[in-house]
C-alpha atoms as a PDB file:
ATOM      1  CA  MET A   1      -8.128  42.413 -17.400  1.00  0.00           C
ATOM      2  CA  SER A   2      -7.149  43.777 -14.338  1.00  0.00           C
ATOM      3  CA  THR A   3      -5.113  41.611 -11.468  1.00  0.00           C
ATOM      4  CA  THR A   4      -5.315  41.980  -7.905  1.00  0.00           C
ATOM      5  CA  ALA A   5      -0.902  41.428  -6.446  1.00  0.00           C
ATOM      6  CA  LYS A   6      -1.112  38.475  -4.922  1.00  0.00           C
ATOM      7  CA  PRO A   7       0.354  39.625  -1.448  1.00  0.00           C
ATOM      8  CA  PRO A   8       3.953  38.699  -0.089  1.00  0.00           C
ATOM      9  CA  ARG A   9       4.438  35.416   1.306  1.00  0.00           C
ATOM     10  CA  ARG A  10       6.429  35.233   4.374  1.00  0.00           C
ATOM     11  CA  THR A  11       6.944  33.027   7.339  1.00  0.00           C
ATOM     12  CA  ALA A  12       6.795  34.468  10.992  1.00  0.00           C
ATOM     13  CA  PHE A  13       8.709  32.239  13.656  1.00  0.00           C
ATOM     14  CA  PHE A  14       8.009  32.723  17.308  1.00  0.00           C
ATOM     15  CA  LEU A  15      11.187  31.286  19.564  1.00  0.00           C
ATOM     16  CA  SER A  16      11.196  30.949  23.454  1.00  0.00           C
ATOM     17  CA  ASP A  17      13.503  28.937  25.505  1.00  0.00           C
ATOM     18  CA  ARG A  18      10.213  28.724  27.670  1.00  0.00           C
ATOM     19  CA  THR A  19       6.406  28.452  27.008  1.00  0.00           C
ATOM     20  CA  GLY A  20       6.830  30.708  24.072  1.00  0.00           C
ATOM     21  CA  ILE A  21       2.973  31.992  24.805  1.00  0.00           C
ATOM     22  CA  THR A  22       4.328  35.849  25.663  1.00  0.00           C
ATOM     23  CA  VAL A  23       6.413  36.121  22.630  1.00  0.00           C
ATOM     24  CA  GLU A  24       3.460  34.549  20.400  1.00  0.00           C
ATOM     25  CA  MET A  25       1.055  37.013  21.839  1.00  0.00           C
ATOM     26  CA  LEU A  26       3.323  40.080  20.823  1.00  0.00           C
ATOM     27  CA  GLY A  27       4.616  38.514  17.594  1.00  0.00           C
ATOM     28  CA  HIS A  28       0.916  38.017  16.484  1.00  0.00           C
ATOM     29  CA  SER A  29      -0.476  41.573  17.675  1.00  0.00           C
ATOM     30  CA  LEU A  30       2.144  43.176  15.346  1.00  0.00           C
ATOM     31  CA  LEU A  31       1.952  41.232  12.079  1.00  0.00           C
ATOM     32  CA  SER A  32      -1.807  41.956  12.567  1.00  0.00           C
ATOM     33  CA  GLN A  33      -0.759  45.404  11.720  1.00  0.00           C
ATOM     34  CA  PHE A  34      -0.017  44.243   8.042  1.00  0.00           C
ATOM     35  CA  GLU A  35      -3.475  43.487   5.997  1.00  0.00           C
ATOM     36  CA  ASN A  36      -1.624  42.966   2.659  1.00  0.00           C
ATOM     37  CA  ALA A  37       0.634  40.837   3.507  1.00  0.00           C
ATOM     38  CA  GLU A  38       0.621  36.453   4.240  1.00  0.00           C
ATOM     39  CA  PHE A  39       1.866  35.618   7.138  1.00  0.00           C
ATOM     40  CA  GLU A  40       2.683  31.850   7.939  1.00  0.00           C
ATOM     41  CA  GLU A  41       2.861  31.579  11.722  1.00  0.00           C
ATOM     42  CA  ILE A  42       5.415  28.819  13.682  1.00  0.00           C
ATOM     43  CA  THR A  43       6.264  28.712  17.455  1.00  0.00           C
ATOM     44  CA  LEU A  44       8.902  27.187  18.559  1.00  0.00           C
ATOM     45  CA  PRO A  45       9.029  26.461  22.181  1.00  0.00           C
ATOM     46  CA  TYR A  46      11.457  25.248  24.671  1.00  0.00           C
ATOM     47  CA  LEU A  47      14.698  26.015  22.382  1.00  0.00           C
ATOM     48  CA  ASP A  48      16.888  25.920  25.198  1.00  0.00           C
ATOM     49  CA  THR A  49      20.124  23.860  23.968  1.00  0.00           C
ATOM     50  CA  ARG A  50      22.309  25.479  21.185  1.00  0.00           C
ATOM     51  CA  GLU A  51      21.734  22.080  19.212  1.00  0.00           C
ATOM     52  CA  LYS A  52      18.181  22.962  19.290  1.00  0.00           C
ATOM     53  CA  ALA A  53      19.158  26.513  18.111  1.00  0.00           C
ATOM     54  CA  LEU A  54      21.040  25.344  15.664  1.00  0.00           C
ATOM     55  CA  ALA A  55      18.491  22.968  14.207  1.00  0.00           C
ATOM     56  CA  THR A  56      15.971  25.742  14.120  1.00  0.00           C
ATOM     57  CA  VAL A  57      18.538  28.115  12.165  1.00  0.00           C
ATOM     58  CA  ARG A  58      18.863  25.569   9.530  1.00  0.00           C
ATOM     59  CA  GLN A  59      14.425  25.331   9.223  1.00  0.00           C
ATOM     60  CA  ILE A  60      14.471  29.449   9.423  1.00  0.00           C
ATOM     61  CA  ASP A  61      17.008  29.347   6.409  1.00  0.00           C
ATOM     62  CA  GLU A  62      15.231  26.692   4.556  1.00  0.00           C
ATOM     63  CA  ARG A  63      11.949  28.788   4.449  1.00  0.00           C
ATOM     64  CA  ALA A  64      13.827  32.103   3.481  1.00  0.00           C
ATOM     65  CA  LYS A  65      14.640  30.125   0.065  1.00  0.00           C
ATOM     66  CA  LEU A  66      10.902  29.017  -0.142  1.00  0.00           C
ATOM     67  CA  ASP A  67       9.325  32.320   0.559  1.00  0.00           C
ATOM     68  CA  ASP A  68       9.268  35.366  -0.940  1.00  0.00           C
ATOM     69  CA  GLY A  69      11.702  37.134   1.526  1.00  0.00           C
ATOM     70  CA  ARG A  70      13.413  36.194   4.687  1.00  0.00           C
ATOM     71  CA  PRO A  71      11.684  35.320   7.195  1.00  0.00           C
ATOM     72  CA  LEU A  72      10.352  37.118  10.615  1.00  0.00           C
ATOM     73  CA  VAL A  73      12.138  35.950  14.047  1.00  0.00           C
ATOM     74  CA  PHE A  74      10.469  36.877  16.795  1.00  0.00           C
ATOM     75  CA  SER A  75      12.051  35.561  20.583  1.00  0.00           C
ATOM     76  CA  THR A  76      12.742  35.223  24.004  1.00  0.00           C
ATOM     77  CA  PHE A  77      15.410  34.595  25.047  1.00  0.00           C
ATOM     78  CA  VAL A  78      17.606  34.882  28.486  1.00  0.00           C
ATOM     79  CA  ASN A  79      20.270  33.084  27.410  1.00  0.00           C
ATOM     80  CA  PRO A  80      22.717  35.113  25.232  1.00  0.00           C
ATOM     81  CA  GLU A  81      24.598  32.315  23.909  1.00  0.00           C
ATOM     82  CA  ILE A  82      21.151  31.196  22.121  1.00  0.00           C
ATOM     83  CA  ARG A  83      20.196  34.593  20.702  1.00  0.00           C
ATOM     84  CA  PHE A  84      24.021  34.418  19.263  1.00  0.00           C
ATOM     85  CA  VAL A  85      22.954  31.588  17.140  1.00  0.00           C
ATOM     86  CA  LEU A  86      19.913  32.890  16.107  1.00  0.00           C
ATOM     87  CA  ASP A  87      21.251  35.678  14.539  1.00  0.00           C
ATOM     88  CA  SER A  88      23.004  33.651  12.540  1.00  0.00           C
ATOM     89  CA  ALA A  89      19.875  33.042  10.502  1.00  0.00           C
ATOM     90  CA  ASN A  90      18.857  34.406   7.525  1.00  0.00           C
ATOM     91  CA  ALA A  91      15.944  36.411   8.903  1.00  0.00           C
ATOM     92  CA  LEU A  92      15.090  39.968  10.316  1.00  0.00           C
ATOM     93  CA  HIS A  93      15.676  38.781  14.382  1.00  0.00           C
ATOM     94  CA  LEU A  94      13.668  40.474  16.670  1.00  0.00           C
ATOM     95  CA  ASP A  95      14.601  39.633  20.316  1.00  0.00           C
ATOM     96  CA  CYS A  96      11.750  41.255  22.407  1.00  0.00           C
ATOM     97  CA  PHE A  97      13.599  40.751  25.545  1.00  0.00           C
ATOM     98  CA  SER A  98      16.746  42.403  24.281  1.00  0.00           C
ATOM     99  CA  ILE A  99      15.158  45.221  22.716  1.00  0.00           C
ATOM    100  CA  PHE A 100      13.654  46.477  26.081  1.00  0.00           C
ATOM    101  CA  ILE A 101      15.379  44.990  29.099  1.00  0.00           C
ATOM    102  CA  ALA A 102      18.553  47.095  28.185  1.00  0.00           C
ATOM    103  CA  GLN A 103      16.805  50.455  28.258  1.00  0.00           C
ATOM    104  CA  ILE A 104      14.754  49.337  31.390  1.00  0.00           C
ATOM    105  CA  GLU A 105      17.934  48.624  32.976  1.00  0.00           C
ATOM    106  CA  ALA A 106      19.826  52.428  31.412  1.00  0.00           C
ATOM    107  CA  GLU A 107      16.604  53.900  33.208  1.00  0.00           C
ATOM    108  CA  LEU A 108      16.695  52.027  36.768  1.00  0.00           C
ATOM    109  CA  GLY A 109      20.014  51.772  37.163  1.00  0.00           C
ATOM    110  CA  ILE A 110      20.705  48.117  37.944  1.00  0.00           C
ATOM    111  CA  HIS A 111      20.642  45.086  36.078  1.00  0.00           C
ATOM    112  CA  SER A 112      18.168  42.350  35.341  1.00  0.00           C
ATOM    113  CA  SER A 113      17.875  39.106  36.515  1.00  0.00           C
ATOM    114  CA  PRO A 114      18.570  36.458  33.810  1.00  0.00           C
ATOM    115  CA  THR A 115      16.849  33.684  34.533  1.00  0.00           C
ATOM    116  CA  VAL A 116      14.992  31.561  32.169  1.00  0.00           C
ATOM    117  CA  GLY A 117      10.961  30.744  32.896  1.00  0.00           C
ATOM    118  CA  LEU A 118      11.100  33.946  35.676  1.00  0.00           C
ATOM    119  CA  SER A 119       8.257  35.564  34.308  1.00  0.00           C
ATOM    120  CA  HIS A 120       6.323  31.697  34.090  1.00  0.00           C
ATOM    121  CA  ARG A 121       7.276  30.333  37.689  1.00  0.00           C
ATOM    122  CA  ALA A 122       5.661  27.693  39.374  1.00  0.00           C
ATOM    123  CA  GLN A 123       6.323  29.350  42.931  1.00  0.00           C
ATOM    124  CA  ASP A 124       3.864  31.839  42.261  1.00  0.00           C
ATOM    125  CA  SER A 125       1.277  29.908  43.984  1.00  0.00           C
ATOM    126  CA  ILE A 126      -0.968  31.923  45.043  1.00  0.00           C
ATOM    127  CA  GLY A 127      -1.664  33.147  41.757  1.00  0.00           C
ATOM    128  CA  GLN A 128      -2.018  29.473  40.328  1.00  0.00           C
ATOM    129  CA  HIS A 129      -4.390  28.812  43.134  1.00  0.00           C
ATOM    130  CA  ARG A 130      -6.211  31.700  42.324  1.00  0.00           C
ATOM    131  CA  ARG A 131      -6.832  30.818  38.422  1.00  0.00           C
ATOM    132  CA  ILE A 132      -7.799  27.666  39.345  1.00  0.00           C
ATOM    133  CA  GLU A 133     -10.584  28.586  41.620  1.00  0.00           C
ATOM    134  CA  ALA A 134     -11.373  31.213  39.339  1.00  0.00           C
ATOM    135  CA  ILE A 135     -12.003  28.833  36.426  1.00  0.00           C
ATOM    136  CA  LYS A 136     -13.458  26.266  38.815  1.00  0.00           C
ATOM    137  CA  TYR A 137     -16.225  29.251  39.775  1.00  0.00           C
ATOM    138  CA  THR A 138     -17.168  29.507  36.196  1.00  0.00           C
ATOM    139  CA  LEU A 139     -17.591  26.548  35.241  1.00  0.00           C
ATOM    140  CA  GLU A 140     -19.843  25.720  38.339  1.00  0.00           C
ATOM    141  CA  HIS A 141     -21.978  29.147  37.790  1.00  0.00           C
ATOM    142  CA  ASP A 142     -22.258  28.433  34.008  1.00  0.00           C
ATOM    143  CA  ASP A 143     -25.459  29.226  32.156  1.00  0.00           C
ATOM    144  CA  GLY A 144     -27.489  29.360  35.419  1.00  0.00           C
ATOM    145  CA  ILE A 145     -26.599  25.918  36.163  1.00  0.00           C
ATOM    146  CA  SER A 146     -25.608  26.584  40.212  1.00  0.00           C
ATOM    147  CA  GLN A 147     -26.942  29.834  41.630  1.00  0.00           C
ATOM    148  CA  ARG A 148     -24.765  28.908  44.858  1.00  0.00           C
ATOM    149  CA  ASN A 149     -22.147  31.965  46.185  1.00  0.00           C
ATOM    150  CA  TRP A 150     -23.367  34.711  43.374  1.00  0.00           C
ATOM    151  CA  LEU A 151     -22.162  37.105  45.612  1.00  0.00           C
ATOM    152  CA  ARG A 152     -18.430  35.733  45.338  1.00  0.00           C
ATOM    153  CA  ALA A 153     -18.345  36.657  41.666  1.00  0.00           C
ATOM    154  CA  ASP A 154     -16.744  39.152  40.399  1.00  0.00           C
ATOM    155  CA  ILE A 155     -19.381  39.932  37.361  1.00  0.00           C
ATOM    156  CA  ILE A 156     -21.924  38.165  35.875  1.00  0.00           C
ATOM    157  CA  LEU A 157     -22.913  38.404  32.506  1.00  0.00           C
ATOM    158  CA  VAL A 158     -26.607  38.201  31.159  1.00  0.00           C
ATOM    159  CA  GLY A 159     -27.872  37.988  27.913  1.00  0.00           C
ATOM    160  CA  VAL A 160     -29.948  35.619  25.585  1.00  0.00           C
ATOM    161  CA  SER A 161     -28.395  32.444  24.709  1.00  0.00           C
ATOM    162  CA  ARG A 162     -25.385  32.351  22.711  1.00  0.00           C
ATOM    163  CA  THR A 163     -23.885  36.033  22.529  1.00  0.00           C
ATOM    164  CA  GLY A 164     -20.299  34.714  23.738  1.00  0.00           C
ATOM    165  CA  LYS A 165     -20.920  35.051  27.494  1.00  0.00           C
ATOM    166  CA  THR A 166     -19.512  31.759  28.243  1.00  0.00           C
ATOM    167  CA  PRO A 167     -16.239  31.681  26.340  1.00  0.00           C
ATOM    168  CA  THR A 168     -15.661  35.396  27.898  1.00  0.00           C
ATOM    169  CA  CYS A 169     -16.202  34.296  31.187  1.00  0.00           C
ATOM    170  CA  LEU A 170     -14.170  31.412  30.916  1.00  0.00           C
ATOM    171  CA  TYR A 171     -11.109  33.640  29.119  1.00  0.00           C
ATOM    172  CA  LEU A 172     -11.732  36.591  32.360  1.00  0.00           C
ATOM    173  CA  ALA A 173     -11.332  33.207  34.786  1.00  0.00           C
ATOM    174  CA  LEU A 174      -7.705  31.581  32.930  1.00  0.00           C
ATOM    175  CA  GLN A 175      -6.189  35.314  31.994  1.00  0.00           C
ATOM    176  CA  TYR A 176      -7.005  37.367  34.584  1.00  0.00           C
ATOM    177  CA  GLY A 177      -8.658  34.992  37.828  1.00  0.00           C
ATOM    178  CA  ILE A 178     -11.745  37.055  38.090  1.00  0.00           C
ATOM    179  CA  TYR A 179     -14.624  35.285  39.044  1.00  0.00           C
ATOM    180  CA  ALA A 180     -17.552  35.532  36.286  1.00  0.00           C
ATOM    181  CA  ALA A 181     -20.558  34.088  36.609  1.00  0.00           C
ATOM    182  CA  ASN A 182     -23.147  33.893  33.621  1.00  0.00           C
ATOM    183  CA  TYR A 183     -26.852  33.684  33.378  1.00  0.00           C
ATOM    184  CA  PRO A 184     -29.336  33.700  29.797  1.00  0.00           C
ATOM    185  CA  PHE A 185     -32.523  34.765  29.650  1.00  0.00           C
ATOM    186  CA  ILE A 186     -35.329  33.046  29.154  1.00  0.00           C
ATOM    187  CA  PRO A 187     -39.043  33.502  28.124  1.00  0.00           C
ATOM    188  CA  GLU A 188     -39.997  33.457  31.316  1.00  0.00           C
ATOM    189  CA  ASP A 189     -37.495  36.127  32.085  1.00  0.00           C
ATOM    190  CA  PHE A 190     -39.245  38.825  29.249  1.00  0.00           C
ATOM    191  CA  ASN A 191     -42.955  37.226  29.821  1.00  0.00           C
ATOM    192  CA  ARG A 192     -42.249  39.312  33.633  1.00  0.00           C
ATOM    193  CA  MET A 193     -40.130  41.959  31.971  1.00  0.00           C
ATOM    194  CA  ALA A 194     -37.968  41.943  35.079  1.00  0.00           C
ATOM    195  CA  LEU A 195     -35.102  40.070  36.410  1.00  0.00           C
ATOM    196  CA  PRO A 196     -35.171  36.537  38.127  1.00  0.00           C
ATOM    197  CA  ALA A 197     -35.356  36.424  41.738  1.00  0.00           C
ATOM    198  CA  GLN A 198     -31.726  35.192  41.794  1.00  0.00           C
ATOM    199  CA  LEU A 199     -30.197  38.480  39.926  1.00  0.00           C
ATOM    200  CA  LYS A 200     -31.747  41.239  42.000  1.00  0.00           C
ATOM    201  CA  ASN A 201     -29.207  41.026  44.783  1.00  0.00           C
ATOM    202  CA  VAL A 202     -26.148  41.113  42.802  1.00  0.00           C
ATOM    203  CA  ARG A 203     -27.465  43.762  40.086  1.00  0.00           C
ATOM    204  CA  SER A 204     -24.599  45.818  41.316  1.00  0.00           C
ATOM    205  CA  ARG A 205     -22.640  42.343  39.152  1.00  0.00           C
ATOM    206  CA  LEU A 206     -24.723  42.352  36.242  1.00  0.00           C
ATOM    207  CA  PHE A 207     -23.369  43.450  33.115  1.00  0.00           C
ATOM    208  CA  GLY A 208     -24.897  42.399  29.738  1.00  0.00           C
ATOM    209  CA  PHE A 209     -23.933  41.385  26.153  1.00  0.00           C
ATOM    210  CA  THR A 210     -26.443  42.047  23.134  1.00  0.00           C
ATOM    211  CA  ILE A 211     -26.035  41.011  19.154  1.00  0.00           C
ATOM    212  CA  ASP A 212     -27.007  41.906  15.782  1.00  0.00           C
ATOM    213  CA  PRO A 213     -30.136  39.346  15.060  1.00  0.00           C
ATOM    214  CA  LEU A 214     -29.026  38.238  12.087  1.00  0.00           C
ATOM    215  CA  ARG A 215     -25.458  36.894  13.633  1.00  0.00           C
ATOM    216  CA  LEU A 216     -27.324  35.620  16.161  1.00  0.00           C
ATOM    217  CA  HIS A 217     -29.766  33.583  13.659  1.00  0.00           C
ATOM    218  CA  ARG A 218     -26.213  31.979  11.918  1.00  0.00           C
ATOM    219  CA  MET A 219     -24.946  30.968  15.001  1.00  0.00           C
ATOM    220  CA  ARG A 220     -28.033  29.311  16.856  1.00  0.00           C
ATOM    221  CA  LYS A 221     -29.188  27.396  13.024  1.00  0.00           C
ATOM    222  CA  GLU A 222     -25.893  25.866  12.970  1.00  0.00           C
ATOM    223  CA  ARG A 223     -26.349  24.592  16.555  1.00  0.00           C
ATOM    224  CA  ARG A 224     -30.336  23.863  16.108  1.00  0.00           C
ATOM    225  CA  PRO A 225     -31.699  24.310  12.585  1.00  0.00           C
ATOM    226  CA  ASN A 226     -34.606  24.579  11.153  1.00  0.00           C
ATOM    227  CA  SER A 227     -35.622  25.309  15.047  1.00  0.00           C
ATOM    228  CA  GLU A 228     -38.137  27.974  15.968  1.00  0.00           C
ATOM    229  CA  TYR A 229     -35.345  29.004  18.546  1.00  0.00           C
ATOM    230  CA  ALA A 230     -32.967  29.463  15.732  1.00  0.00           C
ATOM    231  CA  SER A 231     -35.892  31.608  13.726  1.00  0.00           C
ATOM    232  CA  VAL A 232     -35.033  35.023  12.742  1.00  0.00           C
ATOM    233  CA  LYS A 233     -37.594  36.167  13.825  1.00  0.00           C
ATOM    234  CA  ASN A 234     -37.485  34.339  17.379  1.00  0.00           C
ATOM    235  CA  CYS A 235     -34.091  35.723  17.515  1.00  0.00           C
ATOM    236  CA  GLN A 236     -34.907  39.406  16.674  1.00  0.00           C
ATOM    237  CA  HIS A 237     -37.377  39.117  19.369  1.00  0.00           C
ATOM    238  CA  GLU A 238     -35.287  37.925  21.970  1.00  0.00           C
ATOM    239  CA  VAL A 239     -33.306  40.554  21.605  1.00  0.00           C
ATOM    240  CA  ARG A 240     -35.369  43.203  21.193  1.00  0.00           C
ATOM    241  CA  GLU A 241     -36.844  42.002  24.728  1.00  0.00           C
ATOM    242  CA  ALA A 242     -33.467  40.950  26.319  1.00  0.00           C
ATOM    243  CA  GLU A 243     -32.085  45.264  25.267  1.00  0.00           C
ATOM    244  CA  ILE A 244     -35.252  46.350  26.930  1.00  0.00           C
ATOM    245  CA  LEU A 245     -34.921  44.801  30.027  1.00  0.00           C
ATOM    246  CA  MET A 246     -31.847  45.619  30.425  1.00  0.00           C
ATOM    247  CA  ARG A 247     -32.509  49.140  30.013  1.00  0.00           C
ATOM    248  CA  ARG A 248     -34.813  49.225  32.540  1.00  0.00           C
ATOM    249  CA  GLU A 249     -33.062  47.701  35.239  1.00  0.00           C
ATOM    250  CA  GLY A 250     -30.216  50.008  34.302  1.00  0.00           C
ATOM    251  CA  ILE A 251     -27.735  47.037  33.583  1.00  0.00           C
ATOM    252  CA  PRO A 252     -24.828  48.041  31.467  1.00  0.00           C
ATOM    253  CA  TYR A 253     -24.544  46.355  27.471  1.00  0.00           C
ATOM    254  CA  LEU A 254     -21.775  45.949  25.135  1.00  0.00           C
ATOM    255  CA  ASP A 255     -23.067  44.678  21.761  1.00  0.00           C
ATOM    256  CA  ALA A 256     -20.857  41.206  21.056  1.00  0.00           C
ATOM    257  CA  THR A 257     -21.792  41.263  17.062  1.00  0.00           C
ATOM    258  CA  SER A 258     -18.481  41.907  16.033  1.00  0.00           C
ATOM    259  CA  LYS A 259     -15.633  41.457  18.949  1.00  0.00           C
ATOM    260  CA  SER A 260     -13.896  38.954  19.633  1.00  0.00           C
ATOM    261  CA  ILE A 261     -13.366  37.433  22.508  1.00  0.00           C
ATOM    262  CA  GLU A 262     -10.555  38.899  23.828  1.00  0.00           C
ATOM    263  CA  GLU A 263     -12.131  42.421  23.237  1.00  0.00           C
ATOM    264  CA  LEU A 264     -14.966  41.807  25.258  1.00  0.00           C
ATOM    265  CA  ALA A 265     -12.930  40.674  28.331  1.00  0.00           C
ATOM    266  CA  THR A 266     -10.812  44.220  27.504  1.00  0.00           C
ATOM    267  CA  ALA A 267     -13.668  46.004  27.489  1.00  0.00           C
ATOM    268  CA  LEU A 268     -15.541  44.247  30.487  1.00  0.00           C
ATOM    269  CA  LEU A 269     -12.454  45.255  32.717  1.00  0.00           C
ATOM    270  CA  HIS A 270     -12.710  49.082  32.026  1.00  0.00           C
ATOM    271  CA  GLU A 271     -16.592  48.920  31.837  1.00  0.00           C
ATOM    272  CA  ALA A 272     -17.028  47.322  34.692  1.00  0.00           C
ATOM    273  CA  LYS A 273     -13.887  48.547  36.785  1.00  0.00           C
ATOM    274  CA  LEU A 274     -12.583  44.514  37.366  1.00  0.00           C
ATOM    275  CA  GLU A 275      -9.470  44.225  39.259  1.00  0.00           C
ATOM    276  CA  ARG A 276      -7.137  41.836  37.883  1.00  0.00           C
ATOM    277  CA  LYS A 277      -5.729  39.191  40.284  1.00  0.00           C
ATOM    278  CA  VAL A 278      -3.720  37.345  38.115  1.00  0.00           C
ATOM    279  CA  TYR A 279      -0.207  37.538  35.899  1.00  0.00           C
END
């Protein structure tokens, strides 16, 4: 009898003297390249004192005893003393700042400014305001709720209900400061086989999502089981009609069936030539 080898169990720590968002995203992206390994990911933000760093070293060392190998530690520390403490842990310690900063300093011929929280400083009031206003706009223009000020939109997503328009719009607003609205096609649009009047003067801002009908059926069934809205036949009809309508109106569209929200947002930035407003 053949048996499948169990993937090695390892712990990955994401450590930072601030929020940990940057190192968490980078570390997770790197680990995703290793499909045959199993990781438990632990994020520990605000490690800004020697005492906290020493406690973290003890936690890492305990994990090293339990796992199938020593933990992987990804960090972004400005304070060299804390980096030095973490180096004593029984782990592979990859400090993302020290890996890249030294090379950039050598290339530029200048020293960096080792200030904690510089990449997330609150004094960037303009960027913060843009992000808040973009989120507010997106919430006000979700599912075609409001038709006011649609000309302010950087992009307007269209497609049948449950194709991922709302979460993608919110992601674009939160991460990039983009004013994103969305409109769900309804049966009346298919009967006319034309865009509703309120969308005709913003045609250049429209971008569509489509989806596999069976995938759409499964998602709608969770929301409204045993309904005509969720039936396979209706999902097939709506997807088919939406694609015909978008092609007829010259609206570019993406297949959202197997794409994550992050992938959809990145594709939109590229395909629709959107300009990032905040970092």
